[in-house]
């Protein structure tokens, strides 16, 4: 359900006596470019300490009714593990107040990019390189006011989508 929070999900997990939960996260996005209230995307992730706990936990959670919605629980795609490994590699690099956003849909505008990322801080500039035919090339450069704002945007939007395309943020 779009109304289910991490706290509600945690209560169900605790009541079912599911062991080995490391983290629970519900994926969210800003309500609009003007209203920065975060709203649920209707799905989330539960990270377990090991595969045994994950298998047992998924079995107990699958088809569970929460907030009048049936939960569909399944193991996540392995790409997420690879992504977090890549994130750890990037963490060893020097932090910056600049981000590169790749895989941007061609119908996206500077306003769309600003609307998505401005919820996490003040954006100093957004640059979207263009081809000779004046269409953009599918990536953008963002500069935030501080390193913390850029880091916050990176962490919170690393699994986000824009117009149905998964954004790759570096």
N, C-alpha and C. Protein backbone atom coordinates (compact mmCIF):
# COMPACT_ATOMS: atom_id res chain seq x y z
N UNK A 1 0.83 -1.18 0.00
CA UNK A 1 0.00 0.00 0.00
C UNK A 1 0.88 1.25 0.00
N UNK A 2 0.40 2.29 -0.60
CA UNK A 2 1.14 3.54 -0.63
C UNK A 2 1.14 4.23 0.73
N UNK A 3 0.31 3.74 1.67
CA UNK A 3 0.26 4.31 3.02
C UNK A 3 1.14 3.56 4.00
N UNK A 4 1.68 2.42 3.62
CA UNK A 4 2.50 1.61 4.52
C UNK A 4 3.86 2.28 4.73
N UNK A 5 4.25 2.40 6.00
CA UNK A 5 5.54 3.01 6.35
C UNK A 5 6.50 1.93 6.82
N UNK A 6 7.76 2.31 6.99
CA UNK A 6 8.75 1.37 7.53
C UNK A 6 8.33 0.88 8.92
N UNK A 7 7.74 1.78 9.71
CA UNK A 7 7.33 1.43 11.07
C UNK A 7 6.22 0.37 11.06
N UNK A 8 5.25 0.54 10.17
CA UNK A 8 4.16 -0.44 10.06
C UNK A 8 4.71 -1.79 9.62
N UNK A 9 5.58 -1.79 8.62
CA UNK A 9 6.18 -3.03 8.13
C UNK A 9 7.01 -3.69 9.22
N UNK A 10 7.76 -2.89 9.97
CA UNK A 10 8.58 -3.43 11.07
C UNK A 10 7.69 -4.10 12.12
N UNK A 11 6.54 -3.50 12.44
CA UNK A 11 5.63 -4.08 13.43
C UNK A 11 5.13 -5.46 12.96
N UNK A 12 4.77 -5.58 11.69
CA UNK A 12 4.32 -6.87 11.15
C UNK A 12 5.44 -7.90 11.23
N UNK A 13 6.65 -7.50 10.89
CA UNK A 13 7.80 -8.41 10.93
C UNK A 13 8.07 -8.87 12.35
N UNK A 14 7.97 -7.94 13.29
CA UNK A 14 8.18 -8.28 14.71
C UNK A 14 7.08 -9.23 15.19
N UNK A 15 5.82 -8.95 14.82
CA UNK A 15 4.70 -9.80 15.23
C UNK A 15 4.82 -11.21 14.65
N UNK A 16 5.39 -11.35 13.46
CA UNK A 16 5.58 -12.66 12.83
C UNK A 16 6.84 -13.36 13.31
N UNK A 17 7.60 -12.70 14.19
CA UNK A 17 8.84 -13.24 14.75
C UNK A 17 9.85 -13.59 13.65
N UNK A 18 9.97 -12.70 12.68
CA UNK A 18 10.94 -12.90 11.60
C UNK A 18 12.30 -12.41 12.09
N UNK A 19 13.30 -13.28 11.99
CA UNK A 19 14.64 -13.00 12.53
C UNK A 19 15.59 -12.54 11.43
N UNK A 20 16.64 -11.84 11.84
CA UNK A 20 17.74 -11.50 10.95
C UNK A 20 17.49 -10.35 10.00
N UNK A 21 16.58 -9.44 10.35
CA UNK A 21 16.32 -8.28 9.49
C UNK A 21 17.39 -7.22 9.76
N UNK A 22 18.09 -6.82 8.71
CA UNK A 22 19.13 -5.78 8.84
C UNK A 22 18.53 -4.39 8.62
N UNK A 23 17.82 -4.20 7.51
CA UNK A 23 17.21 -2.90 7.21
C UNK A 23 15.87 -3.09 6.53
N UNK A 24 15.01 -2.07 6.69
CA UNK A 24 13.73 -2.00 6.01
C UNK A 24 13.66 -0.62 5.37
N UNK A 25 13.33 -0.58 4.08
CA UNK A 25 13.19 0.74 3.44
C UNK A 25 12.03 0.72 2.45
N UNK A 26 11.19 1.73 2.54
CA UNK A 26 10.11 1.94 1.59
C UNK A 26 10.62 3.00 0.61
N UNK A 27 10.54 2.73 -0.68
CA UNK A 27 11.04 3.67 -1.68
C UNK A 27 10.08 4.86 -1.79
N UNK A 28 10.66 6.08 -1.82
CA UNK A 28 9.86 7.31 -1.83
C UNK A 28 10.40 8.29 -2.85
N UNK A 29 9.55 9.27 -3.18
CA UNK A 29 9.96 10.37 -4.06
C UNK A 29 9.22 11.63 -3.61
N UNK A 30 9.71 12.81 -4.02
CA UNK A 30 8.98 14.04 -3.70
C UNK A 30 7.62 14.04 -4.39
N UNK A 31 6.61 14.58 -3.70
CA UNK A 31 5.25 14.61 -4.23
C UNK A 31 5.18 15.37 -5.56
N UNK A 32 5.87 16.49 -5.64
CA UNK A 32 5.94 17.27 -6.88
C UNK A 32 7.16 18.17 -6.81
N UNK A 33 7.40 18.90 -7.87
CA UNK A 33 8.56 19.80 -7.88
C UNK A 33 8.37 20.95 -6.90
N UNK A 34 7.12 21.29 -6.58
CA UNK A 34 6.88 22.38 -5.63
C UNK A 34 6.61 21.87 -4.22
N UNK A 35 5.99 20.71 -4.10
CA UNK A 35 5.70 20.12 -2.79
C UNK A 35 6.73 19.03 -2.51
N UNK A 36 7.63 19.28 -1.57
CA UNK A 36 8.74 18.37 -1.30
C UNK A 36 8.36 17.22 -0.36
N UNK A 37 7.08 17.10 0.00
CA UNK A 37 6.64 16.00 0.84
C UNK A 37 6.96 14.68 0.15
N UNK A 38 7.60 13.77 0.89
CA UNK A 38 7.97 12.48 0.30
C UNK A 38 6.76 11.54 0.33
N UNK A 39 6.50 10.89 -0.82
CA UNK A 39 5.40 9.93 -0.91
C UNK A 39 5.95 8.57 -1.32
N UNK A 40 5.25 7.54 -0.90
CA UNK A 40 5.66 6.16 -1.18
C UNK A 40 5.47 5.83 -2.66
N UNK A 41 6.38 5.02 -3.19
CA UNK A 41 6.25 4.52 -4.55
C UNK A 41 5.51 3.18 -4.58
N UNK A 42 5.12 2.67 -3.39
CA UNK A 42 4.34 1.44 -3.32
C UNK A 42 5.15 0.17 -3.23
N UNK A 43 6.47 0.30 -3.06
CA UNK A 43 7.30 -0.89 -2.90
C UNK A 43 8.47 -0.56 -1.99
N UNK A 44 9.12 -1.61 -1.51
CA UNK A 44 10.26 -1.40 -0.62
C UNK A 44 11.16 -2.61 -0.58
N UNK A 45 12.14 -2.54 0.30
CA UNK A 45 13.12 -3.61 0.42
C UNK A 45 13.34 -3.95 1.88
N UNK A 46 13.54 -5.25 2.13
CA UNK A 46 13.95 -5.73 3.45
C UNK A 46 15.27 -6.44 3.24
N UNK A 47 16.30 -6.01 3.95
CA UNK A 47 17.61 -6.65 3.84
C UNK A 47 17.80 -7.55 5.05
N UNK A 48 18.18 -8.79 4.79
CA UNK A 48 18.41 -9.77 5.85
C UNK A 48 19.91 -9.99 6.04
N UNK A 49 20.29 -10.49 7.22
CA UNK A 49 21.71 -10.72 7.51
C UNK A 49 22.28 -11.90 6.73
N UNK A 50 21.42 -12.87 6.37
CA UNK A 50 21.92 -14.00 5.57
C UNK A 50 20.78 -14.59 4.74
N UNK A 51 21.13 -15.49 3.84
CA UNK A 51 20.14 -16.04 2.91
C UNK A 51 19.12 -16.94 3.60
N UNK A 52 19.52 -17.61 4.67
CA UNK A 52 18.58 -18.47 5.41
C UNK A 52 17.46 -17.63 6.01
N UNK A 53 17.84 -16.54 6.69
CA UNK A 53 16.83 -15.64 7.26
C UNK A 53 15.96 -15.04 6.16
N UNK A 54 16.56 -14.72 5.03
CA UNK A 54 15.82 -14.13 3.91
C UNK A 54 14.78 -15.10 3.38
N UNK A 55 15.15 -16.36 3.20
CA UNK A 55 14.22 -17.37 2.69
C UNK A 55 13.04 -17.55 3.64
N UNK A 56 13.33 -17.68 4.93
CA UNK A 56 12.27 -17.85 5.93
C UNK A 56 11.39 -16.60 5.98
N UNK A 57 12.03 -15.43 6.01
CA UNK A 57 11.30 -14.17 6.07
C UNK A 57 10.39 -13.96 4.87
N UNK A 58 10.91 -14.23 3.67
CA UNK A 58 10.11 -14.06 2.46
C UNK A 58 8.90 -14.99 2.45
N UNK A 59 9.09 -16.21 2.94
CA UNK A 59 7.99 -17.17 3.00
C UNK A 59 6.88 -16.66 3.92
N UNK A 60 7.27 -16.10 5.08
CA UNK A 60 6.28 -15.59 6.03
C UNK A 60 5.58 -14.32 5.54
N UNK A 61 6.32 -13.46 4.83
CA UNK A 61 5.78 -12.17 4.40
C UNK A 61 4.94 -12.29 3.13
N UNK A 62 5.30 -13.21 2.23
CA UNK A 62 4.60 -13.33 0.95
C UNK A 62 3.12 -13.60 1.16
N UNK A 63 2.28 -12.88 0.44
CA UNK A 63 0.82 -12.99 0.47
C UNK A 63 0.22 -12.49 1.79
N UNK A 64 1.00 -11.81 2.62
CA UNK A 64 0.52 -11.21 3.86
C UNK A 64 -0.31 -9.98 3.52
N UNK A 65 -1.42 -9.76 4.24
CA UNK A 65 -2.24 -8.57 4.02
C UNK A 65 -1.79 -7.46 4.97
N UNK A 66 -1.34 -6.34 4.39
CA UNK A 66 -0.96 -5.15 5.17
C UNK A 66 -1.70 -3.97 4.57
N UNK A 67 -2.42 -3.22 5.40
CA UNK A 67 -3.20 -2.06 4.95
C UNK A 67 -4.11 -2.42 3.77
N UNK A 68 -4.79 -3.57 3.88
CA UNK A 68 -5.72 -4.06 2.86
C UNK A 68 -5.08 -4.33 1.50
N UNK A 69 -3.78 -4.60 1.49
CA UNK A 69 -3.08 -4.97 0.26
C UNK A 69 -2.28 -6.24 0.50
N UNK A 70 -2.31 -7.13 -0.49
CA UNK A 70 -1.56 -8.38 -0.41
C UNK A 70 -0.11 -8.12 -0.81
N UNK A 71 0.82 -8.49 0.06
CA UNK A 71 2.24 -8.28 -0.18
C UNK A 71 2.77 -9.35 -1.13
N UNK A 72 3.51 -8.92 -2.14
CA UNK A 72 4.21 -9.85 -3.02
C UNK A 72 5.69 -9.75 -2.66
N UNK A 73 6.18 -10.76 -1.96
CA UNK A 73 7.58 -10.76 -1.51
C UNK A 73 8.39 -11.71 -2.37
N UNK A 74 9.50 -11.21 -2.89
CA UNK A 74 10.39 -12.05 -3.69
C UNK A 74 11.81 -11.55 -3.51
N UNK A 75 12.79 -12.42 -3.74
CA UNK A 75 14.18 -11.98 -3.63
C UNK A 75 14.46 -10.88 -4.65
N UNK A 76 15.29 -9.93 -4.25
CA UNK A 76 15.61 -8.84 -5.18
C UNK A 76 16.57 -9.33 -6.25
N UNK A 77 16.62 -8.58 -7.31
CA UNK A 77 17.53 -8.86 -8.42
C UNK A 77 18.97 -8.69 -7.94
N UNK A 78 19.86 -9.53 -8.41
CA UNK A 78 21.27 -9.48 -7.98
C UNK A 78 21.93 -8.15 -8.32
N UNK A 79 21.39 -7.40 -9.29
CA UNK A 79 21.98 -6.12 -9.66
C UNK A 79 22.05 -5.17 -8.47
N UNK A 80 21.12 -5.29 -7.53
CA UNK A 80 21.13 -4.40 -6.37
C UNK A 80 22.38 -4.64 -5.54
N UNK A 81 22.76 -5.91 -5.34
CA UNK A 81 23.98 -6.21 -4.60
C UNK A 81 25.18 -5.63 -5.31
N UNK A 82 25.20 -5.76 -6.64
CA UNK A 82 26.31 -5.21 -7.42
C UNK A 82 26.33 -3.69 -7.28
N UNK A 83 25.15 -3.08 -7.27
CA UNK A 83 25.06 -1.63 -7.14
C UNK A 83 25.63 -1.17 -5.81
N UNK A 84 25.30 -1.87 -4.71
CA UNK A 84 25.82 -1.46 -3.42
C UNK A 84 27.33 -1.67 -3.36
N UNK A 85 27.84 -2.68 -4.05
CA UNK A 85 29.29 -2.87 -4.13
C UNK A 85 29.92 -1.70 -4.86
N UNK A 86 29.30 -1.27 -5.97
CA UNK A 86 29.80 -0.12 -6.70
C UNK A 86 29.74 1.14 -5.84
N UNK A 87 28.70 1.25 -5.02
CA UNK A 87 28.58 2.41 -4.14
C UNK A 87 29.74 2.44 -3.16
N UNK A 88 30.12 1.27 -2.64
CA UNK A 88 31.24 1.22 -1.71
C UNK A 88 32.53 1.64 -2.38
N UNK A 89 32.71 1.27 -3.64
CA UNK A 89 33.90 1.69 -4.37
C UNK A 89 33.89 3.20 -4.54
N UNK A 90 32.73 3.75 -4.86
CA UNK A 90 32.63 5.19 -5.05
C UNK A 90 32.87 5.93 -3.74
N UNK A 91 32.49 5.32 -2.61
CA UNK A 91 32.69 5.96 -1.32
C UNK A 91 34.17 6.18 -1.02
N UNK A 92 35.04 5.37 -1.60
CA UNK A 92 36.46 5.55 -1.35
C UNK A 92 37.02 6.72 -2.14
N UNK A 93 36.31 7.15 -3.19
CA UNK A 93 36.73 8.31 -3.96
C UNK A 93 36.47 9.57 -3.13
N UNK A 94 37.11 10.65 -3.53
CA UNK A 94 36.90 11.92 -2.85
C UNK A 94 35.46 12.37 -3.07
N UNK A 95 34.81 12.80 -2.00
CA UNK A 95 33.42 13.26 -2.10
C UNK A 95 33.39 14.62 -2.77
N UNK A 96 32.28 14.88 -3.47
CA UNK A 96 32.13 16.12 -4.21
C UNK A 96 30.70 16.61 -4.10
N UNK A 97 30.50 17.88 -4.38
CA UNK A 97 29.14 18.42 -4.40
C UNK A 97 28.51 18.28 -5.79
N UNK A 98 29.17 17.53 -6.68
CA UNK A 98 28.68 17.34 -8.04
C UNK A 98 28.27 15.89 -8.27
N UNK A 99 27.20 15.72 -9.05
CA UNK A 99 26.72 14.39 -9.42
C UNK A 99 26.59 14.29 -10.93
N UNK A 100 26.78 13.09 -11.44
CA UNK A 100 26.49 12.79 -12.84
C UNK A 100 25.27 11.87 -12.84
N UNK A 101 24.26 12.22 -13.61
CA UNK A 101 23.05 11.41 -13.70
C UNK A 101 22.95 10.88 -15.12
N UNK A 102 22.95 9.56 -15.25
CA UNK A 102 22.91 8.93 -16.57
C UNK A 102 21.56 8.24 -16.80
N UNK A 103 21.32 7.87 -18.03
CA UNK A 103 20.09 7.16 -18.42
C UNK A 103 18.84 8.02 -18.25
N UNK A 104 18.99 9.31 -18.49
CA UNK A 104 17.86 10.24 -18.39
C UNK A 104 16.98 10.07 -19.64
N UNK A 105 15.66 9.94 -19.45
CA UNK A 105 14.77 9.82 -20.61
C UNK A 105 14.85 11.09 -21.47
N UNK A 106 14.71 10.93 -22.77
CA UNK A 106 14.87 12.07 -23.68
C UNK A 106 13.77 13.12 -23.53
N UNK A 107 12.61 12.74 -22.99
CA UNK A 107 11.55 13.73 -22.80
C UNK A 107 11.75 14.55 -21.52
N UNK A 108 12.71 14.17 -20.67
CA UNK A 108 12.97 14.89 -19.42
C UNK A 108 13.60 16.25 -19.72
N UNK A 109 13.23 17.23 -18.89
CA UNK A 109 13.75 18.59 -19.04
C UNK A 109 14.59 18.95 -17.83
N UNK A 110 15.26 20.10 -17.91
CA UNK A 110 16.04 20.61 -16.77
C UNK A 110 15.11 20.79 -15.58
N UNK A 111 13.89 21.26 -15.83
CA UNK A 111 12.90 21.47 -14.76
C UNK A 111 12.58 20.14 -14.06
N UNK A 112 12.43 19.05 -14.84
CA UNK A 112 12.16 17.73 -14.26
C UNK A 112 13.31 17.28 -13.36
N UNK A 113 14.53 17.45 -13.84
CA UNK A 113 15.72 17.05 -13.08
C UNK A 113 15.81 17.86 -11.80
N UNK A 114 15.63 19.18 -11.92
CA UNK A 114 15.67 20.05 -10.73
C UNK A 114 14.58 19.66 -9.74
N UNK A 115 13.38 19.38 -10.25
CA UNK A 115 12.26 19.01 -9.39
C UNK A 115 12.55 17.75 -8.59
N UNK A 116 13.18 16.78 -9.21
CA UNK A 116 13.49 15.52 -8.54
C UNK A 116 14.59 15.70 -7.50
N UNK A 117 15.65 16.41 -7.85
CA UNK A 117 16.82 16.50 -6.98
C UNK A 117 16.76 17.65 -5.96
N UNK A 118 15.94 18.66 -6.21
CA UNK A 118 15.93 19.82 -5.31
C UNK A 118 15.36 19.50 -3.93
N UNK A 119 14.68 18.36 -3.79
CA UNK A 119 14.16 17.96 -2.48
C UNK A 119 15.30 17.66 -1.51
N UNK A 120 16.51 17.46 -2.03
CA UNK A 120 17.63 17.07 -1.18
C UNK A 120 18.64 18.18 -0.96
N UNK A 121 18.36 19.37 -1.47
CA UNK A 121 19.25 20.50 -1.23
C UNK A 121 19.15 21.54 -2.32
N UNK A 122 19.95 22.58 -2.16
CA UNK A 122 19.98 23.67 -3.12
C UNK A 122 20.85 23.29 -4.31
N UNK A 123 20.27 23.36 -5.48
CA UNK A 123 21.01 23.02 -6.70
C UNK A 123 21.59 24.30 -7.28
N UNK A 124 22.91 24.34 -7.41
CA UNK A 124 23.58 25.51 -7.99
C UNK A 124 23.45 25.51 -9.50
N UNK A 125 23.58 24.32 -10.12
CA UNK A 125 23.46 24.27 -11.58
C UNK A 125 23.09 22.87 -12.05
N UNK A 126 22.40 22.83 -13.18
CA UNK A 126 22.08 21.58 -13.88
C UNK A 126 22.49 21.81 -15.33
N UNK A 127 23.33 20.90 -15.83
CA UNK A 127 23.77 21.02 -17.22
C UNK A 127 23.47 19.71 -17.93
N UNK A 128 22.71 19.79 -19.02
CA UNK A 128 22.37 18.61 -19.82
C UNK A 128 22.98 18.82 -21.21
N UNK A 129 24.08 18.12 -21.52
CA UNK A 129 24.71 18.27 -22.85
C UNK A 129 23.74 17.89 -23.97
N UNK A 130 23.82 18.62 -25.07
CA UNK A 130 22.92 18.40 -26.20
C UNK A 130 23.69 17.93 -27.43
N UNK A 131 22.97 17.20 -28.29
CA UNK A 131 23.51 16.77 -29.58
C UNK A 131 23.38 17.94 -30.56
N UNK A 132 23.89 17.73 -31.76
CA UNK A 132 23.80 18.77 -32.79
C UNK A 132 22.34 19.06 -33.18
N UNK A 133 21.45 18.07 -33.04
CA UNK A 133 20.04 18.27 -33.39
C UNK A 133 19.23 18.87 -32.23
N UNK A 134 19.91 19.35 -31.20
CA UNK A 134 19.33 20.03 -30.03
C UNK A 134 18.60 19.11 -29.06
N UNK A 135 18.61 17.79 -29.28
CA UNK A 135 18.10 16.85 -28.28
C UNK A 135 19.22 16.60 -27.28
N UNK A 136 18.85 16.33 -26.02
CA UNK A 136 19.92 16.06 -25.06
C UNK A 136 20.44 14.64 -25.21
N UNK A 137 21.61 14.39 -24.61
CA UNK A 137 22.33 13.14 -24.83
C UNK A 137 22.00 12.05 -23.81
N UNK A 138 21.09 12.31 -22.87
CA UNK A 138 20.67 11.27 -21.93
C UNK A 138 21.41 11.26 -20.62
N UNK A 139 22.18 12.32 -20.34
CA UNK A 139 22.84 12.43 -19.04
C UNK A 139 22.92 13.89 -18.64
N UNK A 140 23.18 14.12 -17.34
CA UNK A 140 23.23 15.49 -16.83
C UNK A 140 24.28 15.61 -15.74
N UNK A 141 24.73 16.84 -15.54
CA UNK A 141 25.65 17.17 -14.46
C UNK A 141 24.92 18.09 -13.50
N UNK A 142 24.93 17.74 -12.22
CA UNK A 142 24.29 18.57 -11.20
C UNK A 142 25.33 19.04 -10.21
N UNK A 143 25.19 20.27 -9.75
CA UNK A 143 26.07 20.79 -8.72
C UNK A 143 25.21 21.29 -7.58
N UNK A 144 25.44 20.74 -6.38
CA UNK A 144 24.73 21.15 -5.18
C UNK A 144 25.56 22.18 -4.42
N UNK A 145 24.93 22.84 -3.46
CA UNK A 145 25.63 23.84 -2.65
C UNK A 145 26.67 23.20 -1.73
N UNK A 146 26.34 22.01 -1.19
CA UNK A 146 27.27 21.35 -0.27
C UNK A 146 27.47 19.89 -0.65
N UNK A 147 28.53 19.32 -0.12
CA UNK A 147 28.82 17.90 -0.32
C UNK A 147 27.73 17.04 0.33
N UNK A 148 27.27 17.45 1.51
CA UNK A 148 26.23 16.68 2.22
C UNK A 148 24.94 16.60 1.41
N UNK A 149 24.55 17.69 0.76
CA UNK A 149 23.34 17.67 -0.06
C UNK A 149 23.50 16.71 -1.23
N UNK A 150 24.65 16.74 -1.88
CA UNK A 150 24.91 15.83 -3.00
C UNK A 150 24.90 14.38 -2.54
N UNK A 151 25.53 14.11 -1.40
CA UNK A 151 25.56 12.76 -0.84
C UNK A 151 24.15 12.29 -0.50
N UNK A 152 23.36 13.16 0.11
CA UNK A 152 21.98 12.84 0.48
C UNK A 152 21.16 12.51 -0.77
N UNK A 153 21.30 13.30 -1.83
CA UNK A 153 20.58 13.03 -3.08
C UNK A 153 21.03 11.70 -3.67
N UNK A 154 22.34 11.45 -3.67
CA UNK A 154 22.88 10.19 -4.20
C UNK A 154 22.29 8.99 -3.47
N UNK A 155 22.31 9.03 -2.14
CA UNK A 155 21.82 7.91 -1.32
C UNK A 155 20.33 7.70 -1.53
N UNK A 156 19.55 8.77 -1.51
CA UNK A 156 18.09 8.63 -1.57
C UNK A 156 17.54 8.37 -2.97
N UNK A 157 18.26 8.75 -4.00
CA UNK A 157 17.74 8.58 -5.36
C UNK A 157 18.46 7.51 -6.16
N UNK A 158 19.32 6.73 -5.51
CA UNK A 158 20.11 5.74 -6.25
C UNK A 158 19.26 4.65 -6.91
N UNK A 159 18.05 4.42 -6.43
CA UNK A 159 17.16 3.43 -7.04
C UNK A 159 15.93 4.07 -7.66
N UNK A 160 16.03 5.34 -8.04
CA UNK A 160 14.85 6.06 -8.52
C UNK A 160 14.69 5.94 -10.04
N UNK A 161 13.48 6.25 -10.47
CA UNK A 161 13.13 6.20 -11.89
C UNK A 161 12.54 7.55 -12.30
N UNK A 162 12.75 7.93 -13.55
CA UNK A 162 12.15 9.14 -14.10
C UNK A 162 11.55 8.75 -15.45
N UNK A 163 10.26 8.99 -15.61
CA UNK A 163 9.53 8.60 -16.82
C UNK A 163 9.79 7.13 -17.15
N UNK A 164 9.83 6.28 -16.12
CA UNK A 164 9.96 4.84 -16.32
C UNK A 164 11.38 4.34 -16.55
N UNK A 165 12.37 5.22 -16.52
CA UNK A 165 13.76 4.80 -16.73
C UNK A 165 14.53 4.88 -15.43
N UNK A 166 15.31 3.85 -15.14
CA UNK A 166 16.14 3.81 -13.94
C UNK A 166 17.30 4.80 -14.09
N UNK A 167 17.40 5.74 -13.15
CA UNK A 167 18.49 6.72 -13.20
C UNK A 167 19.75 6.13 -12.58
N UNK A 168 20.87 6.31 -13.24
CA UNK A 168 22.16 5.88 -12.73
C UNK A 168 22.88 7.13 -12.25
N UNK A 169 23.15 7.18 -10.94
CA UNK A 169 23.73 8.39 -10.34
C UNK A 169 25.13 8.09 -9.87
N UNK A 170 26.07 8.95 -10.23
CA UNK A 170 27.47 8.79 -9.82
C UNK A 170 27.95 10.07 -9.17
